[in-house]
Amino acid sequence: MADRERELAALGIEHAAKPKRKKITVSIDRDGVWAGTGRWTEDCEIVDCAAVLGADQDESDDTYELLCHELAGLNQSEDYWLGPVSVDRPDGLYTATLIE
């Protein structure tokens, strides 16, 4: 038992495990062709996706940021929050969809 858990137990406070959160996958395509799959975080970020979404790393980073912004802005009611969302970039139209 960790020190902090012992301190809480001595005070009569039981350690409650954090509830597991759903893992949400994000699928990205460019002009209708699959480009990559990653993970959508609680911080509204796309992570663990190796796809390069542009001509160079700077353009790719910008595309990821724009997709994240669009996904974060989706209506949170019912199934609308899953998307899809699209951003038009110099090298194509990128679309991202969240999958539970």
PDB file of N, CA and C in Angstrom:
ATOM      1  N   MET A   1       0.854  -1.178   0.000  1.00  0.00           N
ATOM      2  CA  MET A   1       0.000   0.000   0.000  1.00  0.00           C
ATOM      3  C   MET A   1       0.900   1.242   0.000  1.00  0.00           C
ATOM      4  N   ALA A   2       0.575   2.186  -0.851  1.00  0.00           N
ATOM      5  CA  ALA A   2       1.363   3.411  -0.946  1.00  0.00           C
ATOM      6  C   ALA A   2       1.174   4.258   0.303  1.00  0.00           C
ATOM      7  N   ASP A   3       2.135   5.133   0.578  1.00  0.00           N
ATOM      8  CA  ASP A   3       2.080   5.995   1.757  1.00  0.00           C
ATOM      9  C   ASP A   3       0.793   6.814   1.804  1.00  0.00           C
ATOM     10  N   ARG A   4       0.412   7.388   0.694  1.00  0.00           N
ATOM     11  CA  ARG A   4      -0.792   8.225   0.667  1.00  0.00           C
ATOM     12  C   ARG A   4      -2.025   7.393   0.995  1.00  0.00           C
ATOM     13  N   GLU A   5      -2.086   6.179   0.476  1.00  0.00           N
ATOM     14  CA  GLU A   5      -3.221   5.296   0.771  1.00  0.00           C
ATOM     15  C   GLU A   5      -3.262   4.952   2.256  1.00  0.00           C
ATOM     16  N   ARG A   6      -2.094   4.762   2.884  1.00  0.00           N
ATOM     17  CA  ARG A   6      -2.034   4.487   4.329  1.00  0.00           C
ATOM     18  C   ARG A   6      -2.552   5.681   5.126  1.00  0.00           C
ATOM     19  N   GLU A   7      -2.138   6.877   4.711  1.00  0.00           N
ATOM     20  CA  GLU A   7      -2.597   8.092   5.398  1.00  0.00           C
ATOM     21  C   GLU A   7      -4.115   8.217   5.308  1.00  0.00           C
ATOM     22  N   LEU A   8      -4.664   7.964   4.132  1.00  0.00           N
ATOM     23  CA  LEU A   8      -6.112   8.048   3.958  1.00  0.00           C
ATOM     24  C   LEU A   8      -6.825   6.977   4.781  1.00  0.00           C
ATOM     25  N   ALA A   9      -6.265   5.765   4.797  1.00  0.00           N
ATOM     26  CA  ALA A   9      -6.870   4.686   5.567  1.00  0.00           C
ATOM     27  C   ALA A   9      -6.862   5.019   7.055  1.00  0.00           C
ATOM     28  N   ALA A  10      -5.771   5.649   7.561  1.00  0.00           N
ATOM     29  CA  ALA A  10      -5.689   6.030   8.965  1.00  0.00           C
ATOM     30  C   ALA A  10      -6.757   7.063   9.326  1.00  0.00           C
ATOM     31  N   LEU A  11      -7.156   7.853   8.338  1.00  0.00           N
ATOM     32  CA  LEU A  11      -8.204   8.847   8.562  1.00  0.00           C
ATOM     33  C   LEU A  11      -9.604   8.277   8.328  1.00  0.00           C
ATOM     34  N   GLY A  12      -9.650   6.989   7.977  1.00  0.00           N
ATOM     35  CA  GLY A  12     -10.945   6.354   7.730  1.00  0.00           C
ATOM     36  C   GLY A  12     -11.492   6.638   6.344  1.00  0.00           C
ATOM     37  N   ILE A  13     -10.632   7.071   5.450  1.00  0.00           N
ATOM     38  CA  ILE A  13     -11.057   7.361   4.082  1.00  0.00           C
ATOM     39  C   ILE A  13     -10.582   6.225   3.189  1.00  0.00           C
ATOM     40  N   GLU A  14     -11.536   5.580   2.552  1.00  0.00           N
ATOM     41  CA  GLU A  14     -11.183   4.492   1.655  1.00  0.00           C
ATOM     42  C   GLU A  14     -10.787   5.041   0.298  1.00  0.00           C
ATOM     43  N   HIS A  15      -9.809   4.393  -0.281  1.00  0.00           N
ATOM     44  CA  HIS A  15      -9.367   4.771  -1.620  1.00  0.00           C
ATOM     45  C   HIS A  15     -10.387   4.271  -2.625  1.00  0.00           C
ATOM     46  N   ALA A  16     -10.886   5.185  -3.427  1.00  0.00           N
ATOM     47  CA  ALA A  16     -11.833   4.803  -4.475  1.00  0.00           C
ATOM     48  C   ALA A  16     -11.107   4.814  -5.804  1.00  0.00           C
ATOM     49  N   ALA A  17     -11.214   3.721  -6.507  1.00  0.00           N
ATOM     50  CA  ALA A  17     -10.584   3.645  -7.822  1.00  0.00           C
ATOM     51  C   ALA A  17     -11.304   4.574  -8.784  1.00  0.00           C
ATOM     52  N   LYS A  18     -10.529   5.214  -9.638  1.00  0.00           N
ATOM     53  CA  LYS A  18     -11.131   6.082 -10.637  1.00  0.00           C
ATOM     54  C   LYS A  18     -11.878   5.220 -11.650  1.00  0.00           C
ATOM     55  N   PRO A  19     -13.042   5.685 -12.066  1.00  0.00           N
ATOM     56  CA  PRO A  19     -13.757   4.910 -13.072  1.00  0.00           C
ATOM     57  C   PRO A  19     -12.981   4.924 -14.389  1.00  0.00           C
ATOM     58  N   LYS A  20     -13.006   3.782 -15.067  1.00  0.00           N
ATOM     59  CA  LYS A  20     -12.330   3.715 -16.349  1.00  0.00           C
ATOM     60  C   LYS A  20     -13.142   4.494 -17.373  1.00  0.00           C
ATOM     61  N   ARG A  21     -12.436   5.259 -18.158  1.00  0.00           N
ATOM     62  CA  ARG A  21     -13.089   6.034 -19.200  1.00  0.00           C
ATOM     63  C   ARG A  21     -13.055   5.239 -20.500  1.00  0.00           C
ATOM     64  N   LYS A  22     -14.072   5.482 -21.323  1.00  0.00           N
ATOM     65  CA  LYS A  22     -14.117   4.819 -22.612  1.00  0.00           C
ATOM     66  C   LYS A  22     -12.945   5.265 -23.462  1.00  0.00           C
ATOM     67  N   LYS A  23     -12.408   4.323 -24.196  1.00  0.00           N
ATOM     68  CA  LYS A  23     -11.389   4.678 -25.166  1.00  0.00           C
ATOM     69  C   LYS A  23     -12.118   5.051 -26.447  1.00  0.00           C
ATOM     70  N   ILE A  24     -11.805   6.208 -26.961  1.00  0.00           N
ATOM     71  CA  ILE A  24     -12.447   6.677 -28.178  1.00  0.00           C
ATOM     72  C   ILE A  24     -11.393   6.754 -29.277  1.00  0.00           C
ATOM     73  N   THR A  25     -11.700   6.123 -30.389  1.00  0.00           N
ATOM     74  CA  THR A  25     -10.810   6.095 -31.539  1.00  0.00           C
ATOM     75  C   THR A  25     -11.222   7.191 -32.507  1.00  0.00           C
ATOM     76  N   VAL A  26     -10.250   7.756 -33.191  1.00  0.00           N
ATOM     77  CA  VAL A  26     -10.543   8.719 -34.245  1.00  0.00           C
ATOM     78  C   VAL A  26      -9.979   8.162 -35.547  1.00  0.00           C
ATOM     79  N   SER A  27     -10.808   8.150 -36.567  1.00  0.00           N
ATOM     80  CA  SER A  27     -10.399   7.693 -37.885  1.00  0.00           C
ATOM     81  C   SER A  27     -10.332   8.910 -38.807  1.00  0.00           C
ATOM     82  N   ILE A  28      -9.239   9.015 -39.551  1.00  0.00           N
ATOM     83  CA  ILE A  28      -9.011  10.170 -40.413  1.00  0.00           C
ATOM     84  C   ILE A  28      -8.836   9.700 -41.856  1.00  0.00           C
ATOM     85  N   ASP A  29      -9.484  10.409 -42.774  1.00  0.00           N
ATOM     86  CA  ASP A  29      -9.230  10.125 -44.187  1.00  0.00           C
ATOM     87  C   ASP A  29      -8.928  11.409 -44.934  1.00  0.00           C
ATOM     88  N   ARG A  30      -8.278  11.242 -46.074  1.00  0.00           N
ATOM     89  CA  ARG A  30      -7.988  12.376 -46.955  1.00  0.00           C
ATOM     90  C   ARG A  30      -8.629  12.098 -48.294  1.00  0.00           C
ATOM     91  N   ASP A  31      -9.514  12.969 -48.712  1.00  0.00           N
ATOM     92  CA  ASP A  31     -10.240  12.820 -49.972  1.00  0.00           C
ATOM     93  C   ASP A  31     -10.901  11.451 -50.083  1.00  0.00           C
ATOM     94  N   GLY A  32     -11.449  10.973 -48.954  1.00  0.00           N
ATOM     95  CA  GLY A  32     -12.183   9.715 -48.949  1.00  0.00           C
ATOM     96  C   GLY A  32     -11.339   8.469 -48.813  1.00  0.00           C
ATOM     97  N   VAL A  33     -10.030   8.615 -48.706  1.00  0.00           N
ATOM     98  CA  VAL A  33      -9.123   7.467 -48.557  1.00  0.00           C
ATOM     99  C   VAL A  33      -8.551   7.494 -47.141  1.00  0.00           C
ATOM    100  N   TRP A  34      -8.649   6.353 -46.448  1.00  0.00           N
ATOM    101  CA  TRP A  34      -8.183   6.270 -45.067  1.00  0.00           C
ATOM    102  C   TRP A  34      -6.729   6.734 -44.972  1.00  0.00           C
ATOM    103  N   ALA A  35      -6.459   7.613 -43.989  1.00  0.00           N
ATOM    104  CA  ALA A  35      -5.107   8.136 -43.777  1.00  0.00           C
ATOM    105  C   ALA A  35      -4.493   7.627 -42.480  1.00  0.00           C
ATOM    106  N   GLY A  36      -5.333   7.366 -41.465  1.00  0.00           N
ATOM    107  CA  GLY A  36      -4.788   6.891 -40.201  1.00  0.00           C
ATOM    108  C   GLY A  36      -5.845   6.811 -39.120  1.00  0.00           C
ATOM    109  N   THR A  37      -5.466   6.144 -38.050  1.00  0.00           N
ATOM    110  CA  THR A  37      -6.334   5.981 -36.883  1.00  0.00           C
ATOM    111  C   THR A  37      -5.533   6.343 -35.651  1.00  0.00           C
ATOM    112  N   GLY A  38      -6.171   7.054 -34.748  1.00  0.00           N
ATOM    113  CA  GLY A  38      -5.520   7.439 -33.506  1.00  0.00           C
ATOM    114  C   GLY A  38      -6.493   7.351 -32.349  1.00  0.00           C
ATOM    115  N   ARG A  39      -6.137   8.014 -31.266  1.00  0.00           N
ATOM    116  CA  ARG A  39      -6.963   8.007 -30.065  1.00  0.00           C
ATOM    117  C   ARG A  39      -7.341   9.441 -29.737  1.00  0.00           C
ATOM    118  N   TRP A  40      -8.610   9.644 -29.368  1.00  0.00           N
ATOM    119  CA  TRP A  40      -9.133  10.957 -28.967  1.00  0.00           C
ATOM    120  C   TRP A  40      -9.030  11.044 -27.456  1.00  0.00           C
ATOM    121  N   THR A  41      -8.385  12.087 -26.941  1.00  0.00           N
ATOM    122  CA  THR A  41      -8.168  12.214 -25.503  1.00  0.00           C
ATOM    123  C   THR A  41      -9.192  13.139 -24.867  1.00  0.00           C
ATOM    124  N   GLU A  42      -9.243  13.109 -23.549  1.00  0.00           N
ATOM    125  CA  GLU A  42     -10.126  14.005 -22.792  1.00  0.00           C
ATOM    126  C   GLU A  42      -9.715  15.464 -22.957  1.00  0.00           C
ATOM    127  N   ASP A  43      -8.473  15.680 -23.374  1.00  0.00           N
ATOM    128  CA  ASP A  43      -7.969  17.035 -23.598  1.00  0.00           C
ATOM    129  C   ASP A  43      -8.241  17.515 -25.019  1.00  0.00           C
ATOM    130  N   CYS A  44      -9.096  16.780 -25.716  1.00  0.00           N
ATOM    131  CA  CYS A  44      -9.467  17.128 -27.100  1.00  0.00           C
ATOM    132  C   CYS A  44      -8.249  17.132 -28.021  1.00  0.00           C
ATOM    133  N   GLU A  45      -7.478  16.066 -27.954  1.00  0.00           N
ATOM    134  CA  GLU A  45      -6.312  15.915 -28.812  1.00  0.00           C
ATOM    135  C   GLU A  45      -6.369  14.567 -29.512  1.00  0.00           C
ATOM    136  N   ILE A  46      -5.758  14.521 -30.685  1.00  0.00           N
ATOM    137  CA  ILE A  46      -5.594  13.262 -31.402  1.00  0.00           C
ATOM    138  C   ILE A  46      -4.171  12.796 -31.131  1.00  0.00           C
ATOM    139  N   VAL A  47      -4.037  11.605 -30.578  1.00  0.00           N
ATOM    140  CA  VAL A  47      -2.718  11.051 -30.260  1.00  0.00           C
ATOM    141  C   VAL A  47      -2.601   9.649 -30.847  1.00  0.00           C
ATOM    142  N   ASP A  48      -1.383   9.148 -30.874  1.00  0.00           N
ATOM    143  CA  ASP A  48      -1.090   7.791 -31.343  1.00  0.00           C
ATOM    144  C   ASP A  48      -1.530   7.553 -32.783  1.00  0.00           C
ATOM    145  N   CYS A  49      -1.447   8.591 -33.604  1.00  0.00           N
ATOM    146  CA  CYS A  49      -1.758   8.468 -35.023  1.00  0.00           C
ATOM    147  C   CYS A  49      -0.498   8.842 -35.791  1.00  0.00           C
ATOM    148  N   ALA A  50       0.018   7.907 -36.567  1.00  0.00           N
ATOM    149  CA  ALA A  50       1.281   8.129 -37.278  1.00  0.00           C
ATOM    150  C   ALA A  50       1.095   8.826 -38.621  1.00  0.00           C
ATOM    151  N   ALA A  51      -0.145   9.074 -39.026  1.00  0.00           N
ATOM    152  CA  ALA A  51      -0.398   9.675 -40.336  1.00  0.00           C
ATOM    153  C   ALA A  51       0.188  11.076 -40.430  1.00  0.00           C
ATOM    154  N   VAL A  52       0.814  11.367 -41.551  1.00  0.00           N
ATOM    155  CA  VAL A  52       1.279  12.711 -41.852  1.00  0.00           C
ATOM    156  C   VAL A  52       0.178  13.357 -42.688  1.00  0.00           C
ATOM    157  N   LEU A  53      -0.427  14.409 -42.141  1.00  0.00           N
ATOM    158  CA  LEU A  53      -1.597  15.024 -42.751  1.00  0.00           C
ATOM    159  C   LEU A  53      -1.243  16.327 -43.454  1.00  0.00           C
ATOM    160  N   GLY A  54      -0.290  16.258 -44.352  1.00  0.00           N
ATOM    161  CA  GLY A  54       0.140  17.438 -45.091  1.00  0.00           C
ATOM    162  C   GLY A  54       1.459  17.174 -45.781  1.00  0.00           C
ATOM    163  N   ALA A  55       1.952  18.200 -46.500  1.00  0.00           N
ATOM    164  CA  ALA A  55       3.185  18.064 -47.267  1.00  0.00           C
ATOM    165  C   ALA A  55       4.426  17.967 -46.379  1.00  0.00           C
ATOM    166  N   ASP A  56       4.351  18.545 -45.177  1.00  0.00           N
ATOM    167  CA  ASP A  56       5.480  18.483 -44.248  1.00  0.00           C
ATOM    168  C   ASP A  56       4.934  18.449 -42.819  1.00  0.00           C
ATOM    169  N   GLN A  57       5.819  18.376 -41.847  1.00  0.00           N
ATOM    170  CA  GLN A  57       5.390  18.234 -40.449  1.00  0.00           C
ATOM    171  C   GLN A  57       4.591  19.432 -39.955  1.00  0.00           C
ATOM    172  N   ASP A  58       4.971  20.639 -40.382  1.00  0.00           N
ATOM    173  CA  ASP A  58       4.228  21.829 -39.950  1.00  0.00           C
ATOM    174  C   ASP A  58       2.797  21.799 -40.466  1.00  0.00           C
ATOM    175  N   GLU A  59       2.620  21.463 -41.747  1.00  0.00           N
ATOM    176  CA  GLU A  59       1.266  21.360 -42.297  1.00  0.00           C
ATOM    177  C   GLU A  59       0.482  20.250 -41.612  1.00  0.00           C
ATOM    178  N   SER A  60       1.151  19.145 -41.315  1.00  0.00           N
ATOM    179  CA  SER A  60       0.494  18.027 -40.625  1.00  0.00           C
ATOM    180  C   SER A  60       0.026  18.458 -39.240  1.00  0.00           C
ATOM    181  N   ASP A  61       0.905  19.140 -38.512  1.00  0.00           N
ATOM    182  CA  ASP A  61       0.525  19.618 -37.171  1.00  0.00           C
ATOM    183  C   ASP A  61      -0.671  20.564 -37.240  1.00  0.00           C
ATOM    184  N   ASP A  62      -0.657  21.449 -38.246  1.00  0.00           N
ATOM    185  CA  ASP A  62      -1.775  22.382 -38.422  1.00  0.00           C
ATOM    186  C   ASP A  62      -3.080  21.639 -38.719  1.00  0.00           C
ATOM    187  N   THR A  63      -2.999  20.609 -39.555  1.00  0.00           N
ATOM    188  CA  THR A  63      -4.193  19.829 -39.901  1.00  0.00           C
ATOM    189  C   THR A  63      -4.739  19.119 -38.673  1.00  0.00           C
ATOM    190  N   TYR A  64      -3.856  18.503 -37.886  1.00  0.00           N
ATOM    191  CA  TYR A  64      -4.295  17.864 -36.642  1.00  0.00           C
ATOM    192  C   TYR A  64      -4.986  18.880 -35.730  1.00  0.00           C
ATOM    193  N   GLU A  65      -4.382  20.058 -35.600  1.00  0.00           N
ATOM    194  CA  GLU A  65      -4.949  21.086 -34.725  1.00  0.00           C
ATOM    195  C   GLU A  65      -6.332  21.525 -35.212  1.00  0.00           C
ATOM    196  N   LEU A  66      -6.484  21.712 -36.509  1.00  0.00           N
ATOM    197  CA  LEU A  66      -7.782  22.109 -37.066  1.00  0.00           C
ATOM    198  C   LEU A  66      -8.829  21.018 -36.856  1.00  0.00           C
ATOM    199  N   LEU A  67      -8.453  19.756 -37.075  1.00  0.00           N
ATOM    200  CA  LEU A  67      -9.396  18.654 -36.854  1.00  0.00           C
ATOM    201  C   LEU A  67      -9.807  18.582 -35.381  1.00  0.00           C
ATOM    202  N   CYS A  68      -8.839  18.744 -34.484  1.00  0.00           N
ATOM    203  CA  CYS A  68      -9.153  18.731 -33.047  1.00  0.00           C
ATOM    204  C   CYS A  68     -10.116  19.848 -32.693  1.00  0.00           C
ATOM    205  N   HIS A  69      -9.881  21.028 -33.234  1.00  0.00           N
ATOM    206  CA  HIS A  69     -10.752  22.170 -32.968  1.00  0.00           C
ATOM    207  C   HIS A  69     -12.177  21.873 -33.446  1.00  0.00           C
ATOM    208  N   GLU A  70     -12.305  21.320 -34.631  1.00  0.00           N
ATOM    209  CA  GLU A  70     -13.625  21.000 -35.176  1.00  0.00           C
ATOM    210  C   GLU A  70     -14.319  19.906 -34.358  1.00  0.00           C
ATOM    211  N   LEU A  71     -13.575  18.868 -33.984  1.00  0.00           N
ATOM    212  CA  LEU A  71     -14.160  17.782 -33.178  1.00  0.00           C
ATOM    213  C   LEU A  71     -14.602  18.288 -31.812  1.00  0.00           C
ATOM    214  N   ALA A  72     -13.788  19.134 -31.195  1.00  0.00           N
ATOM    215  CA  ALA A  72     -14.123  19.666 -29.871  1.00  0.00           C
ATOM    216  C   ALA A  72     -15.358  20.556 -29.924  1.00  0.00           C
ATOM    217  N   GLY A  73     -15.641  21.146 -31.082  1.00  0.00           N
ATOM    218  CA  GLY A  73     -16.774  22.042 -31.218  1.00  0.00           C
ATOM    219  C   GLY A  73     -18.080  21.374 -31.609  1.00  0.00           C
ATOM    220  N   LEU A  74     -18.074  20.044 -31.736  1.00  0.00           N
ATOM    221  CA  LEU A  74     -19.301  19.336 -32.123  1.00  0.00           C
ATOM    222  C   LEU A  74     -20.368  19.434 -31.042  1.00  0.00           C
ATOM    223  N   ASN A  75     -21.617  19.434 -31.458  1.00  0.00           N
ATOM    224  CA  ASN A  75     -22.760  19.407 -30.545  1.00  0.00           C
ATOM    225  C   ASN A  75     -22.664  18.142 -29.686  1.00  0.00           C
ATOM    226  N   GLN A  76     -22.757  18.288 -28.386  1.00  0.00           N
ATOM    227  CA  GLN A  76     -22.572  17.157 -27.474  1.00  0.00           C
ATOM    228  C   GLN A  76     -23.830  16.323 -27.256  1.00  0.00           C
ATOM    229  N   SER A  77     -24.940  16.688 -27.892  1.00  0.00           N
ATOM    230  CA  SER A  77     -26.171  15.927 -27.684  1.00  0.00           C
ATOM    231  C   SER A  77     -26.246  14.744 -28.632  1.00  0.00           C
ATOM    232  N   GLU A  78     -26.819  13.691 -28.149  1.00  0.00           N
ATOM    233  CA  GLU A  78     -27.049  12.461 -28.894  1.00  0.00           C
ATOM    234  C   GLU A  78     -25.770  11.989 -29.583  1.00  0.00           C
ATOM    235  N   ASP A  79     -25.879  11.579 -30.842  1.00  0.00           N
ATOM    236  CA  ASP A  79     -24.712  11.032 -31.537  1.00  0.00           C
ATOM    237  C   ASP A  79     -23.964  12.056 -32.374  1.00  0.00           C
ATOM    238  N   TYR A  80     -24.373  13.325 -32.296  1.00  0.00           N
ATOM    239  CA  TYR A  80     -23.723  14.337 -33.124  1.00  0.00           C
ATOM    240  C   TYR A  80     -22.259  14.530 -32.769  1.00  0.00           C
ATOM    241  N   TRP A  81     -21.888  14.237 -31.540  1.00  0.00           N
ATOM    242  CA  TRP A  81     -20.520  14.482 -31.103  1.00  0.00           C
ATOM    243  C   TRP A  81     -19.514  13.559 -31.789  1.00  0.00           C
ATOM    244  N   LEU A  82     -19.971  12.538 -32.466  1.00  0.00           N
ATOM    245  CA  LEU A  82     -19.067  11.609 -33.134  1.00  0.00           C
ATOM    246  C   LEU A  82     -18.560  12.140 -34.471  1.00  0.00           C
ATOM    247  N   GLY A  83     -19.223  13.142 -34.996  1.00  0.00           N
ATOM    248  CA  GLY A  83     -18.800  13.712 -36.265  1.00  0.00           C
ATOM    249  C   GLY A  83     -19.549  13.088 -37.421  1.00  0.00           C
ATOM    250  N   PRO A  84     -19.043  13.158 -38.579  1.00  0.00           N
ATOM    251  CA  PRO A  84     -17.691  13.562 -38.957  1.00  0.00           C
ATOM    252  C   PRO A  84     -17.524  15.077 -39.047  1.00  0.00           C
ATOM    253  N   VAL A  85     -16.259  15.494 -39.071  1.00  0.00           N
ATOM    254  CA  VAL A  85     -15.901  16.877 -39.336  1.00  0.00           C
ATOM    255  C   VAL A  85     -14.869  16.881 -40.462  1.00  0.00           C
ATOM    256  N   SER A  86     -14.829  17.964 -41.199  1.00  0.00           N
ATOM    257  CA  SER A  86     -13.879  18.061 -42.318  1.00  0.00           C
ATOM    258  C   SER A  86     -13.173  19.399 -42.294  1.00  0.00           C
ATOM    259  N   VAL A  87     -11.923  19.389 -42.754  1.00  0.00           N
ATOM    260  CA  VAL A  87     -11.164  20.618 -42.953  1.00  0.00           C
ATOM    261  C   VAL A  87     -10.516  20.549 -44.329  1.00  0.00           C
ATOM    262  N   ASP A  88     -10.628  21.649 -45.055  1.00  0.00           N
ATOM    263  CA  ASP A  88     -10.060  21.732 -46.395  1.00  0.00           C
ATOM    264  C   ASP A  88      -8.645  22.276 -46.284  1.00  0.00           C
ATOM    265  N   ARG A  89      -7.685  21.510 -46.769  1.00  0.00           N
ATOM    266  CA  ARG A  89      -6.279  21.891 -46.706  1.00  0.00           C
ATOM    267  C   ARG A  89      -5.710  21.946 -48.116  1.00  0.00           C
ATOM    268  N   PRO A  90      -4.535  22.540 -48.322  1.00  0.00           N
ATOM    269  CA  PRO A  90      -3.966  22.646 -49.674  1.00  0.00           C
ATOM    270  C   PRO A  90      -3.821  21.296 -50.392  1.00  0.00           C
ATOM    271  N   ASP A  91      -3.570  20.230 -49.646  1.00  0.00           N
ATOM    272  CA  ASP A  91      -3.347  18.930 -50.285  1.00  0.00           C
ATOM    273  C   ASP A  91      -4.570  18.017 -50.255  1.00  0.00           C
ATOM    274  N   GLY A  92      -5.719  18.503 -49.794  1.00  0.00           N
ATOM    275  CA  GLY A  92      -6.914  17.678 -49.825  1.00  0.00           C
ATOM    276  C   GLY A  92      -7.894  18.008 -48.719  1.00  0.00           C
ATOM    277  N   LEU A  93      -9.006  17.289 -48.735  1.00  0.00           N
ATOM    278  CA  LEU A  93     -10.043  17.441 -47.723  1.00  0.00           C
ATOM    279  C   LEU A  93      -9.866  16.331 -46.694  1.00  0.00           C
ATOM    280  N   TYR A  94      -9.604  16.725 -45.441  1.00  0.00           N
ATOM    281  CA  TYR A  94      -9.416  15.760 -44.364  1.00  0.00           C
ATOM    282  C   TYR A  94     -10.709  15.639 -43.556  1.00  0.00           C
ATOM    283  N   THR A  95     -11.091  14.418 -43.256  1.00  0.00           N
ATOM    284  CA  THR A  95     -12.300  14.148 -42.493  1.00  0.00           C
ATOM    285  C   THR A  95     -11.939  13.276 -41.307  1.00  0.00           C
ATOM    286  N   ALA A  96     -12.465  13.623 -40.133  1.00  0.00           N
ATOM    287  CA  ALA A  96     -12.229  12.838 -38.925  1.00  0.00           C
ATOM    288  C   ALA A  96     -13.577  12.432 -38.334  1.00  0.00           C
ATOM    289  N   THR A  97     -13.638  11.177 -37.872  1.00  0.00           N
ATOM    290  CA  THR A  97     -14.837  10.636 -37.242  1.00  0.00           C
ATOM    291  C   THR A  97     -14.417   9.933 -35.955  1.00  0.00           C
ATOM    292  N   LEU A  98     -15.164  10.171 -34.879  1.00  0.00           N
ATOM    293  CA  LEU A  98     -14.907   9.499 -33.601  1.00  0.00           C
ATOM    294  C   LEU A  98     -15.689   8.192 -33.555  1.00  0.00           C
ATOM    295  N   ILE A  99     -15.058   7.169 -32.996  1.00  0.00           N
ATOM    296  CA  ILE A  99     -15.668   5.843 -32.890  1.00  0.00           C
ATOM    297  C   ILE A  99     -15.552   5.370 -31.452  1.00  0.00           C
ATOM    298  N   GLU A 100     -16.708   5.012 -30.857  1.00  0.00           N
ATOM    299  CA  GLU A 100     -16.690   4.520 -29.464  1.00  0.00           C
ATOM    300  C   GLU A 100     -16.219   3.092 -29.425  1.00  0.00           C
TER     301      GLU A 100
END
